[in-house]
C-alpha atoms as a PDB file:
ATOM      1  CA  GLN A   1       5.670 -11.547  14.703  1.00  0.00           C
ATOM      2  CA  VAL A   2       3.497 -10.796  11.574  1.00  0.00           C
ATOM      3  CA  GLN A   3       4.986 -11.328   8.146  1.00  0.00           C
ATOM      4  CA  LEU A   4       3.845  -9.088   5.288  1.00  0.00           C
ATOM      5  CA  VAL A   5       4.420  -9.833   1.681  1.00  0.00           C
ATOM      6  CA  GLU A   6       3.717  -7.388  -1.111  1.00  0.00           C
ATOM      7  CA  SER A   7       2.938  -8.363  -4.712  1.00  0.00           C
ATOM      8  CA  GLY A   8       1.644  -6.859  -7.860  1.00  0.00           C
ATOM      9  CA  GLY A   9       4.287  -4.356  -8.727  1.00  0.00           C
ATOM     10  CA  GLY A  10       5.759  -3.966 -12.231  1.00  0.00           C
ATOM     11  CA  LEU A  11       6.128  -1.691 -15.286  1.00  0.00           C
ATOM     12  CA  VAL A  12       3.111   0.113 -16.550  1.00  0.00           C
ATOM     13  CA  GLN A  13       2.551   2.945 -19.014  1.00  0.00           C
ATOM     14  CA  PRO A  14       1.282   6.316 -17.866  1.00  0.00           C
ATOM     15  CA  GLY A  15      -2.477   6.245 -17.528  1.00  0.00           C
ATOM     16  CA  GLY A  16      -2.451   2.530 -16.767  1.00  0.00           C
ATOM     17  CA  SER A  17      -3.542   0.610 -13.724  1.00  0.00           C
ATOM     18  CA  LEU A  18      -1.927  -1.792 -11.208  1.00  0.00           C
ATOM     19  CA  ARG A  19      -3.268  -3.617  -8.228  1.00  0.00           C
ATOM     20  CA  LEU A  20      -0.964  -4.201  -5.255  1.00  0.00           C
ATOM     21  CA  SER A  21      -1.634  -6.850  -2.594  1.00  0.00           C
ATOM     22  CA  CYS A  22      -0.228  -7.214   0.862  1.00  0.00           C
ATOM     23  CA  ALA A  23      -0.683 -10.661   2.360  1.00  0.00           C
ATOM     24  CA  ALA A  24      -0.375 -11.057   6.116  1.00  0.00           C
ATOM     25  CA  SER A  25       0.704 -14.193   7.973  1.00  0.00           C
ATOM     26  CA  ASP A  26      -1.850 -13.532  10.729  1.00  0.00           C
ATOM     27  CA  SER A  27      -5.386 -12.228  11.076  1.00  0.00           C
ATOM     28  CA  ILE A  28      -5.747  -8.621  10.162  1.00  0.00           C
ATOM     29  CA  PHE A  29      -8.158  -7.903  12.929  1.00  0.00           C
ATOM     30  CA  ASN A  30      -6.998  -5.671  15.723  1.00  0.00           C
ATOM     31  CA  PHE A  31      -4.504  -3.677  13.747  1.00  0.00           C
ATOM     32  CA  ASN A  32      -5.078   0.039  14.414  1.00  0.00           C
ATOM     33  CA  HIS A  33      -3.264   0.964  11.217  1.00  0.00           C
ATOM     34  CA  MET A  34      -2.884  -0.895   7.848  1.00  0.00           C
ATOM     35  CA  GLY A  35      -1.561   0.941   4.934  1.00  0.00           C
ATOM     36  CA  TRP A  36       0.637   1.464   1.972  1.00  0.00           C
ATOM     37  CA  TYR A  37       3.641   3.734   1.806  1.00  0.00           C
ATOM     38  CA  ARG A  38       6.049   4.450  -1.044  1.00  0.00           C
ATOM     39  CA  GLN A  39       9.670   5.641  -1.442  1.00  0.00           C
ATOM     40  CA  ALA A  40      10.913   7.135  -4.670  1.00  0.00           C
ATOM     41  CA  PRO A  41      14.660   7.430  -5.338  1.00  0.00           C
ATOM     42  CA  GLY A  42      16.199  10.244  -3.363  1.00  0.00           C
ATOM     43  CA  LYS A  43      12.926  10.939  -1.470  1.00  0.00           C
ATOM     44  CA  GLU A  44      11.575  10.072   1.977  1.00  0.00           C
ATOM     45  CA  ARG A  45       9.066   7.373   2.456  1.00  0.00           C
ATOM     46  CA  GLU A  46       5.513   8.739   2.385  1.00  0.00           C
ATOM     47  CA  LEU A  47       2.068   7.534   3.251  1.00  0.00           C
ATOM     48  CA  VAL A  48      -0.055   6.584   0.180  1.00  0.00           C
ATOM     49  CA  ALA A  49      -3.203   5.215   1.721  1.00  0.00           C
ATOM     50  CA  ALA A  50      -4.209   3.588   4.993  1.00  0.00           C
ATOM     51  CA  PHE A  51      -7.026   2.214   7.074  1.00  0.00           C
ATOM     52  CA  ILE A  52      -6.744   4.050  10.398  1.00  0.00           C
ATOM     53  CA  THR A  53      -8.424   3.767  13.787  1.00  0.00           C
ATOM     54  CA  PHE A  54      -8.999   0.034  13.418  1.00  0.00           C
ATOM     55  CA  GLY A  55     -10.411   0.399   9.954  1.00  0.00           C
ATOM     56  CA  VAL A  56     -13.051   2.879  10.760  1.00  0.00           C
ATOM     57  CA  SER A  57     -11.569   5.539   8.489  1.00  0.00           C
ATOM     58  CA  THR A  58      -9.219   5.750   5.496  1.00  0.00           C
ATOM     59  CA  ARG A  59      -6.534   8.269   4.726  1.00  0.00           C
ATOM     60  CA  TYR A  60      -5.069   9.109   1.342  1.00  0.00           C
ATOM     61  CA  ALA A  61      -2.130  11.266   0.206  1.00  0.00           C
ATOM     62  CA  ASP A  62      -3.461  14.271  -1.725  1.00  0.00           C
ATOM     63  CA  SER A  63      -1.536  13.231  -4.786  1.00  0.00           C
ATOM     64  CA  VAL A  64      -3.402   9.944  -5.095  1.00  0.00           C
ATOM     65  CA  LYS A  65      -6.934  10.942  -4.105  1.00  0.00           C
ATOM     66  CA  GLY A  66      -9.512   9.855  -6.685  1.00  0.00           C
ATOM     67  CA  ARG A  67      -6.937   7.576  -8.430  1.00  0.00           C
ATOM     68  CA  PHE A  68      -6.014   5.013  -5.740  1.00  0.00           C
ATOM     69  CA  THR A  69      -8.290   2.905  -3.590  1.00  0.00           C
ATOM     70  CA  ILE A  70      -7.266   0.905  -0.552  1.00  0.00           C
ATOM     71  CA  SER A  71      -9.368  -2.143   0.331  1.00  0.00           C
ATOM     72  CA  ARG A  72      -9.163  -5.220   2.606  1.00  0.00           C
ATOM     73  CA  ASP A  73     -10.284  -8.773   2.751  1.00  0.00           C
ATOM     74  CA  SER A  74     -10.242 -10.093   6.257  1.00  0.00           C
ATOM     75  CA  ALA A  75     -10.892 -13.651   5.322  1.00  0.00           C
ATOM     76  CA  LYS A  76      -7.907 -13.641   2.913  1.00  0.00           C
ATOM     77  CA  LYS A  77      -5.819 -11.583   5.383  1.00  0.00           C
ATOM     78  CA  ARG A  78      -5.021  -9.169   2.630  1.00  0.00           C
ATOM     79  CA  VAL A  79      -4.947  -5.464   2.068  1.00  0.00           C
ATOM     80  CA  ASP A  80      -4.901  -4.253  -1.566  1.00  0.00           C
ATOM     81  CA  LEU A  81      -4.115  -0.962  -3.298  1.00  0.00           C
ATOM     82  CA  GLN A  82      -5.861  -0.379  -6.654  1.00  0.00           C
ATOM     83  CA  MET A  83      -3.905   2.230  -8.591  1.00  0.00           C
ATOM     84  CA  ASN A  84      -5.478   3.898 -11.605  1.00  0.00           C
ATOM     85  CA  SER A  85      -4.433   6.670 -13.923  1.00  0.00           C
ATOM     86  CA  LEU A  86      -0.843   6.044 -12.984  1.00  0.00           C
ATOM     87  CA  ARG A  87       1.697   8.871 -13.568  1.00  0.00           C
ATOM     88  CA  PRO A  88       5.486   8.750 -13.820  1.00  0.00           C
ATOM     89  CA  GLU A  89       5.657  10.450 -10.494  1.00  0.00           C
ATOM     90  CA  ASP A  90       3.965   7.397  -8.898  1.00  0.00           C
ATOM     91  CA  THR A  91       7.144   5.440  -9.638  1.00  0.00           C
ATOM     92  CA  ALA A  92       8.506   4.166  -6.323  1.00  0.00           C
ATOM     93  CA  VAL A  93       8.910   1.108  -4.117  1.00  0.00           C
ATOM     94  CA  TYR A  94       5.596   0.487  -2.415  1.00  0.00           C
ATOM     95  CA  TYR A  95       5.617  -0.939   1.128  1.00  0.00           C
ATOM     96  CA  CYS A  96       2.887  -2.429   3.241  1.00  0.00           C
ATOM     97  CA  ASN A  97       2.750  -1.377   6.882  1.00  0.00           C
ATOM     98  CA  PHE A  98       0.689  -2.746   9.785  1.00  0.00           C
ATOM     99  CA  ARG A  99       0.637  -1.414  13.305  1.00  0.00           C
ATOM    100  CA  ARG A 100      -0.737  -2.954  16.485  1.00  0.00           C
ATOM    101  CA  GLY A 101      -0.103  -0.936  19.563  1.00  0.00           C
ATOM    102  CA  ALA A 102       3.652  -0.361  19.741  1.00  0.00           C
ATOM    103  CA  MET A 103       4.458  -3.038  17.176  1.00  0.00           C
ATOM    104  CA  ASP A 104       5.248  -1.824  13.614  1.00  0.00           C
ATOM    105  CA  TYR A 105       5.543  -4.317  10.814  1.00  0.00           C
ATOM    106  CA  TRP A 106       6.772  -3.711   7.260  1.00  0.00           C
ATOM    107  CA  GLY A 107       6.999  -5.762   4.171  1.00  0.00           C
ATOM    108  CA  LYS A 108      10.039  -5.782   1.821  1.00  0.00           C
ATOM    109  CA  GLY A 109       8.390  -3.750  -0.842  1.00  0.00           C
ATOM    110  CA  THR A 110       7.349  -4.039  -4.465  1.00  0.00           C
ATOM    111  CA  LEU A 111       8.637  -1.825  -7.250  1.00  0.00           C
ATOM    112  CA  VAL A 112       6.207   0.141  -9.356  1.00  0.00           C
ATOM    113  CA  THR A 113       7.608   1.843 -12.469  1.00  0.00           C
ATOM    114  CA  VAL A 114       5.400   4.105 -14.597  1.00  0.00           C
ATOM    115  CA  SER A 115       7.052   4.802 -17.861  1.00  0.00           C
ATOM    116  CA  LEU A 116       6.640   4.693 -21.691  1.00  0.00           C
END
């Protein structure tokens, strides 16, 4: 069982930046999918950014392309999400998700609020 813990959320003004981190309890090798999702109030959870196909490629939601960057540090067992030029519509709970075969792991989420 892999534990995922998100951190870095908070309140930020429009145009500001935040960096989210997802710390894994186990090595992050051999996960075919490592990514960030978000869920805004009253909306479905959606993919924000992810490493796919064992980290060979990345995938971003159209709404965050050019503003968000996903990165990983295998030594620290961590996947980060750098979020720049934040907008009010980026407000949501952000979740870390890792997949290995049929196993699907989620963190508990961290709240990001973009507001004046």
